[in-house]
């Protein structure tokens, strides 16, 4: 659904709620509801909502990784692999 078609007044949503929800589910879309000409709410298909939440979670992880890097809270990859090799060797040696 194009954004220009996805902006509807609350009166439209009240009169066509079942149709709006069906269309959103079919198209995995989003609708903006206006009241007195101002955007007041967003209605989304659950699949679209979940997709956006997963994307936000990924962005938060990237931001945290960047912060950790900037604060020097990282371990060089070669050290991680060396430590893993030592742990694996130790486990198999027992």
PDB file of N, CA and C in Angstrom:
ATOM      1  N   UNK A   1       0.852  -1.177   0.000  1.00  0.00           N
ATOM      2  CA  UNK A   1       0.000   0.000   0.000  1.00  0.00           C
ATOM      3  C   UNK A   1       0.896   1.238   0.000  1.00  0.00           C
ATOM      4  N   UNK A   2       0.651   2.128  -0.914  1.00  0.00           N
ATOM      5  CA  UNK A   2       1.415   3.368  -0.978  1.00  0.00           C
ATOM      6  C   UNK A   2       1.107   4.221   0.235  1.00  0.00           C
ATOM      7  N   UNK A   3       2.116   4.955   0.697  1.00  0.00           N
ATOM      8  CA  UNK A   3       1.910   5.795   1.867  1.00  0.00           C
ATOM      9  C   UNK A   3       0.779   6.785   1.654  1.00  0.00           C
ATOM     10  N   UNK A   4       0.670   7.344   0.451  1.00  0.00           N
ATOM     11  CA  UNK A   4      -0.403   8.304   0.177  1.00  0.00           C
ATOM     12  C   UNK A   4      -1.779   7.669   0.310  1.00  0.00           C
ATOM     13  N   UNK A   5      -1.873   6.384   0.069  1.00  0.00           N
ATOM     14  CA  UNK A   5      -3.144   5.671   0.208  1.00  0.00           C
ATOM     15  C   UNK A   5      -3.325   5.142   1.628  1.00  0.00           C
ATOM     16  N   UNK A   6      -2.253   5.125   2.409  1.00  0.00           N
ATOM     17  CA  UNK A   6      -2.282   4.537   3.737  1.00  0.00           C
ATOM     18  C   UNK A   6      -2.523   5.571   4.833  1.00  0.00           C
ATOM     19  N   UNK A   7      -2.871   6.776   4.469  1.00  0.00           N
ATOM     20  CA  UNK A   7      -3.203   7.809   5.445  1.00  0.00           C
ATOM     21  C   UNK A   7      -4.715   7.992   5.406  1.00  0.00           C
ATOM     22  N   UNK A   8      -5.347   7.662   6.510  1.00  0.00           N
ATOM     23  CA  UNK A   8      -6.818   7.715   6.554  1.00  0.00           C
ATOM     24  C   UNK A   8      -7.270   8.392   7.840  1.00  0.00           C
ATOM     25  N   UNK A   9      -8.399   9.086   7.776  1.00  0.00           N
ATOM     26  CA  UNK A   9      -8.946   9.683   8.997  1.00  0.00           C
ATOM     27  C   UNK A   9      -9.513   8.591   9.907  1.00  0.00           C
ATOM     28  N   UNK A  10      -9.600   8.917  11.165  1.00  0.00           N
ATOM     29  CA  UNK A  10     -10.108   7.951  12.134  1.00  0.00           C
ATOM     30  C   UNK A  10     -11.533   7.504  11.793  1.00  0.00           C
ATOM     31  N   UNK A  11     -12.314   8.396  11.199  1.00  0.00           N
ATOM     32  CA  UNK A  11     -13.689   8.025  10.824  1.00  0.00           C
ATOM     33  C   UNK A  11     -13.679   6.899   9.785  1.00  0.00           C
ATOM     34  N   UNK A  12     -12.721   6.934   8.856  1.00  0.00           N
ATOM     35  CA  UNK A  12     -12.603   5.864   7.865  1.00  0.00           C
ATOM     36  C   UNK A  12     -12.244   4.554   8.561  1.00  0.00           C
ATOM     37  N   UNK A  13     -11.297   4.623   9.482  1.00  0.00           N
ATOM     38  CA  UNK A  13     -10.897   3.410  10.196  1.00  0.00           C
ATOM     39  C   UNK A  13     -12.067   2.838  10.994  1.00  0.00           C
ATOM     40  N   UNK A  14     -12.816   3.694  11.665  1.00  0.00           N
ATOM     41  CA  UNK A  14     -13.968   3.220  12.438  1.00  0.00           C
ATOM     42  C   UNK A  14     -14.983   2.512  11.545  1.00  0.00           C
ATOM     43  N   UNK A  15     -15.225   3.066  10.379  1.00  0.00           N
ATOM     44  CA  UNK A  15     -16.232   2.508   9.473  1.00  0.00           C
ATOM     45  C   UNK A  15     -15.745   1.271   8.728  1.00  0.00           C
ATOM     46  N   UNK A  16     -14.421   1.114   8.581  1.00  0.00           N
ATOM     47  CA  UNK A  16     -13.878   0.026   7.764  1.00  0.00           C
ATOM     48  C   UNK A  16     -12.804  -0.786   8.487  1.00  0.00           C
ATOM     49  N   UNK A  17     -12.889  -0.890   9.796  1.00  0.00           N
ATOM     50  CA  UNK A  17     -11.830  -1.537  10.578  1.00  0.00           C
ATOM     51  C   UNK A  17     -11.507  -2.948  10.080  1.00  0.00           C
ATOM     52  N   UNK A  18     -12.507  -3.760   9.859  1.00  0.00           N
ATOM     53  CA  UNK A  18     -12.261  -5.141   9.421  1.00  0.00           C
ATOM     54  C   UNK A  18     -11.560  -5.170   8.064  1.00  0.00           C
ATOM     55  N   UNK A  19     -11.983  -4.322   7.149  1.00  0.00           N
ATOM     56  CA  UNK A  19     -11.359  -4.262   5.828  1.00  0.00           C
ATOM     57  C   UNK A  19      -9.909  -3.773   5.924  1.00  0.00           C
ATOM     58  N   UNK A  20      -9.688  -2.767   6.749  1.00  0.00           N
ATOM     59  CA  UNK A  20      -8.334  -2.222   6.921  1.00  0.00           C
ATOM     60  C   UNK A  20      -7.407  -3.298   7.449  1.00  0.00           C
ATOM     61  N   UNK A  21      -7.842  -4.009   8.481  1.00  0.00           N
ATOM     62  CA  UNK A  21      -7.000  -5.052   9.070  1.00  0.00           C
ATOM     63  C   UNK A  21      -6.741  -6.169   8.070  1.00  0.00           C
ATOM     64  N   UNK A  22      -7.759  -6.569   7.322  1.00  0.00           N
ATOM     65  CA  UNK A  22      -7.570  -7.601   6.298  1.00  0.00           C
ATOM     66  C   UNK A  22      -6.546  -7.146   5.258  1.00  0.00           C
ATOM     67  N   UNK A  23      -6.682  -5.914   4.784  1.00  0.00           N
ATOM     68  CA  UNK A  23      -5.753  -5.388   3.775  1.00  0.00           C
ATOM     69  C   UNK A  23      -4.327  -5.297   4.321  1.00  0.00           C
ATOM     70  N   UNK A  24      -4.188  -4.849   5.557  1.00  0.00           N
ATOM     71  CA  UNK A  24      -2.858  -4.763   6.160  1.00  0.00           C
ATOM     72  C   UNK A  24      -2.220  -6.146   6.275  1.00  0.00           C
ATOM     73  N   UNK A  25      -3.022  -7.136   6.667  1.00  0.00           N
ATOM     74  CA  UNK A  25      -2.500  -8.497   6.780  1.00  0.00           C
ATOM     75  C   UNK A  25      -2.093  -9.065   5.429  1.00  0.00           C
ATOM     76  N   UNK A  26      -2.888  -8.792   4.412  1.00  0.00           N
ATOM     77  CA  UNK A  26      -2.580  -9.305   3.070  1.00  0.00           C
ATOM     78  C   UNK A  26      -1.341  -8.644   2.481  1.00  0.00           C
ATOM     79  N   UNK A  27      -1.179  -7.357   2.735  1.00  0.00           N
ATOM     80  CA  UNK A  27      -0.088  -6.595   2.111  1.00  0.00           C
ATOM     81  C   UNK A  27       1.087  -6.359   3.050  1.00  0.00           C
ATOM     82  N   UNK A  28       0.984  -6.852   4.291  1.00  0.00           N
ATOM     83  CA  UNK A  28       2.026  -6.626   5.302  1.00  0.00           C
ATOM     84  C   UNK A  28       2.372  -5.144   5.378  1.00  0.00           C
ATOM     85  N   UNK A  29       1.354  -4.343   5.521  1.00  0.00           N
ATOM     86  CA  UNK A  29       1.534  -2.902   5.442  1.00  0.00           C
ATOM     87  C   UNK A  29       1.342  -2.169   6.742  1.00  0.00           C
ATOM     88  N   UNK A  30       1.301  -0.852   6.578  1.00  0.00           N
ATOM     89  CA  UNK A  30       1.160   0.088   7.678  1.00  0.00           C
ATOM     90  C   UNK A  30       0.150   1.152   7.267  1.00  0.00           C
ATOM     91  N   UNK A  31      -0.654   1.600   8.219  1.00  0.00           N
ATOM     92  CA  UNK A  31      -1.597   2.679   7.945  1.00  0.00           C
ATOM     93  C   UNK A  31      -1.453   3.749   9.016  1.00  0.00           C
ATOM     94  N   UNK A  32      -1.497   4.988   8.573  1.00  0.00           N
ATOM     95  CA  UNK A  32      -1.441   6.135   9.481  1.00  0.00           C
ATOM     96  C   UNK A  32      -2.863   6.655   9.650  1.00  0.00           C
ATOM     97  N   UNK A  33      -3.271   6.793  10.902  1.00  0.00           N
ATOM     98  CA  UNK A  33      -4.609   7.282  11.220  1.00  0.00           C
ATOM     99  C   UNK A  33      -4.498   8.741  11.660  1.00  0.00           C
ATOM    100  N   UNK A  34      -5.331   9.572  11.063  1.00  0.00           N
ATOM    101  CA  UNK A  34      -5.325  10.996  11.420  1.00  0.00           C
ATOM    102  C   UNK A  34      -6.556  11.347  12.227  1.00  0.00           C
ATOM    103  N   UNK A  35      -6.424  12.393  13.010  1.00  0.00           N
ATOM    104  CA  UNK A  35      -7.543  12.936  13.766  1.00  0.00           C
ATOM    105  C   UNK A  35      -7.418  14.446  13.676  1.00  0.00           C
ATOM    106  N   UNK A  36      -8.467  15.068  13.188  1.00  0.00           N
ATOM    107  CA  UNK A  36      -8.456  16.512  12.962  1.00  0.00           C
ATOM    108  C   UNK A  36      -7.285  16.929  12.069  1.00  0.00           C
ATOM    109  N   UNK A  37      -6.995  16.094  11.079  1.00  0.00           N
ATOM    110  CA  UNK A  37      -5.957  16.410  10.098  1.00  0.00           C
ATOM    111  C   UNK A  37      -4.535  16.136  10.538  1.00  0.00           C
ATOM    112  N   UNK A  38      -4.335  15.665  11.764  1.00  0.00           N
ATOM    113  CA  UNK A  38      -2.992  15.374  12.268  1.00  0.00           C
ATOM    114  C   UNK A  38      -2.800  13.878  12.409  1.00  0.00           C
ATOM    115  N   UNK A  39      -1.614  13.394  12.068  1.00  0.00           N
ATOM    116  CA  UNK A  39      -1.291  11.984  12.269  1.00  0.00           C
ATOM    117  C   UNK A  39      -1.295  11.690  13.766  1.00  0.00           C
ATOM    118  N   UNK A  40      -2.044  10.670  14.177  1.00  0.00           N
ATOM    119  CA  UNK A  40      -2.174  10.358  15.602  1.00  0.00           C
ATOM    120  C   UNK A  40      -1.796   8.926  15.949  1.00  0.00           C
ATOM    121  N   UNK A  41      -1.887   8.010  14.978  1.00  0.00           N
ATOM    122  CA  UNK A  41      -1.619   6.607  15.283  1.00  0.00           C
ATOM    123  C   UNK A  41      -1.144   5.883  14.037  1.00  0.00           C
ATOM    124  N   UNK A  42      -0.489   4.756  14.271  1.00  0.00           N
ATOM    125  CA  UNK A  42      -0.035   3.888  13.189  1.00  0.00           C
ATOM    126  C   UNK A  42      -0.567   2.494  13.473  1.00  0.00           C
ATOM    127  N   UNK A  43      -1.118   1.876  12.457  1.00  0.00           N
ATOM    128  CA  UNK A  43      -1.604   0.502  12.557  1.00  0.00           C
ATOM    129  C   UNK A  43      -0.763  -0.327  11.597  1.00  0.00           C
ATOM    130  N   UNK A  44      -0.250  -1.454  12.112  1.00  0.00           N
ATOM    131  CA  UNK A  44       0.617  -2.296  11.292  1.00  0.00           C
ATOM    132  C   UNK A  44       0.170  -3.746  11.328  1.00  0.00           C
ATOM    133  N   UNK A  45       0.470  -4.423  10.251  1.00  0.00           N
ATOM    134  CA  UNK A  45       0.352  -5.874  10.208  1.00  0.00           C
ATOM    135  C   UNK A  45       1.375  -6.442  11.185  1.00  0.00           C
ATOM    136  N   UNK A  46       1.046  -7.533  11.859  1.00  0.00           N
ATOM    137  CA  UNK A  46       1.930  -8.100  12.870  1.00  0.00           C
ATOM    138  C   UNK A  46       3.257  -8.563  12.262  1.00  0.00           C
ATOM    139  N   UNK A  47       3.228  -9.076  11.047  1.00  0.00           N
ATOM    140  CA  UNK A  47       4.467  -9.515  10.391  1.00  0.00           C
ATOM    141  C   UNK A  47       5.396  -8.331  10.157  1.00  0.00           C
ATOM    142  N   UNK A  48       4.848  -7.223   9.732  1.00  0.00           N
ATOM    143  CA  UNK A  48       5.639  -6.014   9.510  1.00  0.00           C
ATOM    144  C   UNK A  48       6.189  -5.497  10.837  1.00  0.00           C
ATOM    145  N   UNK A  49       5.365  -5.517  11.869  1.00  0.00           N
ATOM    146  CA  UNK A  49       5.799  -5.076  13.193  1.00  0.00           C
ATOM    147  C   UNK A  49       6.970  -5.926  13.681  1.00  0.00           C
ATOM    148  N   UNK A  50       6.848  -7.250  13.557  1.00  0.00           N
ATOM    149  CA  UNK A  50       7.916  -8.148  13.989  1.00  0.00           C
ATOM    150  C   UNK A  50       9.194  -7.912  13.181  1.00  0.00           C
ATOM    151  N   UNK A  51       9.058  -7.677  11.882  1.00  0.00           N
ATOM    152  CA  UNK A  51      10.222  -7.419  11.037  1.00  0.00           C
ATOM    153  C   UNK A  51      10.947  -6.161  11.504  1.00  0.00           C
ATOM    154  N   UNK A  52      10.185  -5.135  11.802  1.00  0.00           N
ATOM    155  CA  UNK A  52      10.785  -3.881  12.263  1.00  0.00           C
ATOM    156  C   UNK A  52      11.443  -4.070  13.628  1.00  0.00           C
ATOM    157  N   UNK A  53      10.813  -4.822  14.519  1.00  0.00           N
ATOM    158  CA  UNK A  53      11.401  -5.066  15.840  1.00  0.00           C
ATOM    159  C   UNK A  53      12.720  -5.828  15.720  1.00  0.00           C
ATOM    160  N   UNK A  54      12.774  -6.813  14.814  1.00  0.00           N
ATOM    161  CA  UNK A  54      14.015  -7.557  14.601  1.00  0.00           C
ATOM    162  C   UNK A  54      15.106  -6.654  14.040  1.00  0.00           C
ATOM    163  N   UNK A  55      14.740  -5.770  13.123  1.00  0.00           N
ATOM    164  CA  UNK A  55      15.708  -4.831  12.557  1.00  0.00           C
ATOM    165  C   UNK A  55      16.229  -3.880  13.633  1.00  0.00           C
ATOM    166  N   UNK A  56      15.340  -3.408  14.497  1.00  0.00           N
ATOM    167  CA  UNK A  56      15.764  -2.520  15.591  1.00  0.00           C
ATOM    168  C   UNK A  56      16.697  -3.241  16.558  1.00  0.00           C
ATOM    169  N   UNK A  57      16.398  -4.498  16.855  1.00  0.00           N
ATOM    170  CA  UNK A  57      17.265  -5.273  17.753  1.00  0.00           C
ATOM    171  C   UNK A  57      18.661  -5.424  17.142  1.00  0.00           C
ATOM    172  N   UNK A  58      18.715  -5.683  15.843  1.00  0.00           N
ATOM    173  CA  UNK A  58      19.998  -5.807  15.165  1.00  0.00           C
ATOM    174  C   UNK A  58      20.764  -4.489  15.199  1.00  0.00           C
ATOM    175  N   UNK A  59      20.070  -3.384  14.960  1.00  0.00           N
ATOM    176  CA  UNK A  59      20.717  -2.066  15.015  1.00  0.00           C
ATOM    177  C   UNK A  59      21.239  -1.756  16.417  1.00  0.00           C
ATOM    178  N   UNK A  60      20.493  -2.164  17.442  1.00  0.00           N
ATOM    179  CA  UNK A  60      20.959  -1.963  18.815  1.00  0.00           C
ATOM    180  C   UNK A  60      22.234  -2.757  19.080  1.00  0.00           C
ATOM    181  N   UNK A  61      22.306  -3.990  18.554  1.00  0.00           N
ATOM    182  CA  UNK A  61      23.517  -4.799  18.731  1.00  0.00           C
ATOM    183  C   UNK A  61      24.705  -4.157  18.028  1.00  0.00           C
ATOM    184  N   UNK A  62      24.475  -3.653  16.837  1.00  0.00           N
ATOM    185  CA  UNK A  62      25.547  -2.980  16.101  1.00  0.00           C
ATOM    186  C   UNK A  62      26.015  -1.746  16.868  1.00  0.00           C
ATOM    187  N   UNK A  63      25.085  -0.964  17.375  1.00  0.00           N
ATOM    188  CA  UNK A  63      25.430   0.239  18.142  1.00  0.00           C
ATOM    189  C   UNK A  63      26.208  -0.134  19.403  1.00  0.00           C
ATOM    190  N   UNK A  64      25.794  -1.209  20.083  1.00  0.00           N
ATOM    191  CA  UNK A  64      26.509  -1.643  21.288  1.00  0.00           C
ATOM    192  C   UNK A  64      27.912  -2.115  20.925  1.00  0.00           C
ATOM    193  N   UNK A  65      28.044  -2.833  19.810  1.00  0.00           N
ATOM    194  CA  UNK A  65      29.363  -3.267  19.357  1.00  0.00           C
ATOM    195  C   UNK A  65      30.264  -2.090  19.037  1.00  0.00           C
ATOM    196  N   UNK A  66      29.714  -1.088  18.404  1.00  0.00           N
ATOM    197  CA  UNK A  66      30.485   0.118  18.088  1.00  0.00           C
ATOM    198  C   UNK A  66      30.926   0.827  19.365  1.00  0.00           C
ATOM    199  N   UNK A  67      30.035   0.906  20.325  1.00  0.00           N
ATOM    200  CA  UNK A  67      30.355   1.542  21.612  1.00  0.00           C
ATOM    201  C   UNK A  67      31.457   0.757  22.324  1.00  0.00           C
ATOM    202  N   UNK A  68      31.327  -0.557  22.355  1.00  0.00           N
ATOM    203  CA  UNK A  68      32.350  -1.392  22.988  1.00  0.00           C
ATOM    204  C   UNK A  68      33.706  -1.195  22.312  1.00  0.00           C
ATOM    205  N   UNK A  69      33.696  -1.137  21.003  1.00  0.00           N
ATOM    206  CA  UNK A  69      34.934  -0.931  20.252  1.00  0.00           C
ATOM    207  C   UNK A  69      35.562   0.414  20.615  1.00  0.00           C
ATOM    208  N   UNK A  70      34.749   1.459  20.632  1.00  0.00           N
ATOM    209  CA  UNK A  70      35.254   2.794  20.946  1.00  0.00           C
ATOM    210  C   UNK A  70      35.791   2.890  22.371  1.00  0.00           C
ATOM    211  N   UNK A  71      35.227   2.093  23.286  1.00  0.00           N
ATOM    212  CA  UNK A  71      35.659   2.101  24.675  1.00  0.00           C
ATOM    213  C   UNK A  71      36.779   1.087  24.937  1.00  0.00           C
ATOM    214  N   UNK A  72      37.225   0.410  23.887  1.00  0.00           N
ATOM    215  CA  UNK A  72      38.312  -0.557  24.032  1.00  0.00           C
ATOM    216  C   UNK A  72      37.900  -1.850  24.720  1.00  0.00           C
ATOM    217  N   UNK A  73      36.639  -2.156  24.697  1.00  0.00           N
ATOM    218  CA  UNK A  73      36.126  -3.370  25.344  1.00  0.00           C
ATOM    219  C   UNK A  73      36.031  -4.529  24.354  1.00  0.00           C
ATOM    220  N   UNK A  74      37.068  -4.722  23.584  1.00  0.00           N
ATOM    221  CA  UNK A  74      37.069  -5.788  22.586  1.00  0.00           C
ATOM    222  C   UNK A  74      38.302  -6.664  22.777  1.00  0.00           C
ATOM    223  N   UNK A  75      38.242  -7.833  22.192  1.00  0.00           N
ATOM    224  CA  UNK A  75      39.362  -8.770  22.218  1.00  0.00           C
ATOM    225  C   UNK A  75      39.715  -9.069  20.769  1.00  0.00           C
ATOM    226  N   UNK A  76      40.997  -8.990  20.413  1.00  0.00           N
ATOM    227  CA  UNK A  76      41.383  -9.299  19.029  1.00  0.00           C
ATOM    228  C   UNK A  76      40.969 -10.723  18.644  1.00  0.00           C
ATOM    229  N   UNK A  77      40.546 -10.890  17.415  1.00  0.00           N
ATOM    230  CA  UNK A  77      40.061 -12.188  16.938  1.00  0.00           C
ATOM    231  C   UNK A  77      41.106 -13.284  17.101  1.00  0.00           C
ATOM    232  N   UNK A  78      42.389 -12.975  16.839  1.00  0.00           N
ATOM    233  CA  UNK A  78      43.415 -14.010  16.954  1.00  0.00           C
ATOM    234  C   UNK A  78      43.528 -14.522  18.387  1.00  0.00           C
ATOM    235  N   UNK A  79      43.333 -13.660  19.373  1.00  0.00           N
ATOM    236  CA  UNK A  79      43.362 -14.093  20.771  1.00  0.00           C
ATOM    237  C   UNK A  79      42.149 -14.964  21.080  1.00  0.00           C
ATOM    238  N   UNK A  80      40.988 -14.594  20.582  1.00  0.00           N
ATOM    239  CA  UNK A  80      39.779 -15.398  20.807  1.00  0.00           C
ATOM    240  C   UNK A  80      39.974 -16.796  20.233  1.00  0.00           C
ATOM    241  N   UNK A  81      40.469 -16.881  18.992  1.00  0.00           N
ATOM    242  CA  UNK A  81      40.677 -18.190  18.368  1.00  0.00           C
ATOM    243  C   UNK A  81      41.747 -18.991  19.097  1.00  0.00           C
ATOM    244  N   UNK A  82      42.789 -18.347  19.556  1.00  0.00           N
ATOM    245  CA  UNK A  82      43.842 -19.038  20.311  1.00  0.00           C
ATOM    246  C   UNK A  82      43.261 -19.598  21.606  1.00  0.00           C
ATOM    247  N   UNK A  83      42.486 -18.784  22.329  1.00  0.00           N
ATOM    248  CA  UNK A  83      41.862 -19.239  23.570  1.00  0.00           C
ATOM    249  C   UNK A  83      40.909 -20.404  23.316  1.00  0.00           C
ATOM    250  N   UNK A  84      40.138 -20.327  22.244  1.00  0.00           N
ATOM    251  CA  UNK A  84      39.224 -21.425  21.900  1.00  0.00           C
ATOM    252  C   UNK A  84      39.996 -22.706  21.594  1.00  0.00           C
ATOM    253  N   UNK A  85      41.065 -22.575  20.816  1.00  0.00           N
ATOM    254  CA  UNK A  85      41.901 -23.739  20.504  1.00  0.00           C
ATOM    255  C   UNK A  85      42.445 -24.375  21.776  1.00  0.00           C
ATOM    256  N   UNK A  86      42.895 -23.535  22.720  1.00  0.00           N
ATOM    257  CA  UNK A  86      43.430 -24.055  23.989  1.00  0.00           C
ATOM    258  C   UNK A  86      42.340 -24.759  24.791  1.00  0.00           C
ATOM    259  N   UNK A  87      41.125 -24.191  24.817  1.00  0.00           N
ATOM    260  CA  UNK A  87      40.021 -24.832  25.551  1.00  0.00           C
ATOM    261  C   UNK A  87      39.658 -26.177  24.924  1.00  0.00           C
ATOM    262  N   UNK A  88      39.614 -26.202  23.606  1.00  0.00           N
ATOM    263  CA  UNK A  88      39.259 -27.445  22.911  1.00  0.00           C
ATOM    264  C   UNK A  88      40.334 -28.486  23.132  1.00  0.00           C
ATOM    265  N   UNK A  89      41.587 -28.097  23.024  1.00  0.00           N
ATOM    266  CA  UNK A  89      42.700 -29.024  23.246  1.00  0.00           C
ATOM    267  C   UNK A  89      42.644 -29.575  24.667  1.00  0.00           C
ATOM    268  N   UNK A  90      42.370 -28.712  25.645  1.00  0.00           N
ATOM    269  CA  UNK A  90      42.298 -29.125  27.028  1.00  0.00           C
ATOM    270  C   UNK A  90      41.154 -30.115  27.238  1.00  0.00           C
ATOM    271  N   UNK A  91      39.990 -29.848  26.637  1.00  0.00           N
ATOM    272  CA  UNK A  91      38.846 -30.736  26.777  1.00  0.00           C
ATOM    273  C   UNK A  91      39.121 -32.120  26.205  1.00  0.00           C
ATOM    274  N   UNK A  92      39.827 -32.186  25.077  1.00  0.00           N
ATOM    275  CA  UNK A  92      40.104 -33.476  24.446  1.00  0.00           C
ATOM    276  C   UNK A  92      41.280 -34.191  25.098  1.00  0.00           C
ATOM    277  N   UNK A  93      42.082 -33.451  25.845  1.00  0.00           N
ATOM    278  CA  UNK A  93      43.227 -34.057  26.508  1.00  0.00           C
ATOM    279  C   UNK A  93      42.816 -34.786  27.771  1.00  0.00           C
ATOM    280  N   UNK A  94      41.674 -34.445  28.307  1.00  0.00           N
ATOM    281  CA  UNK A  94      41.227 -35.060  29.574  1.00  0.00           C
ATOM    282  C   UNK A  94      40.670 -36.417  29.393  1.00  0.00           C
TER     283      UNK A  94
END
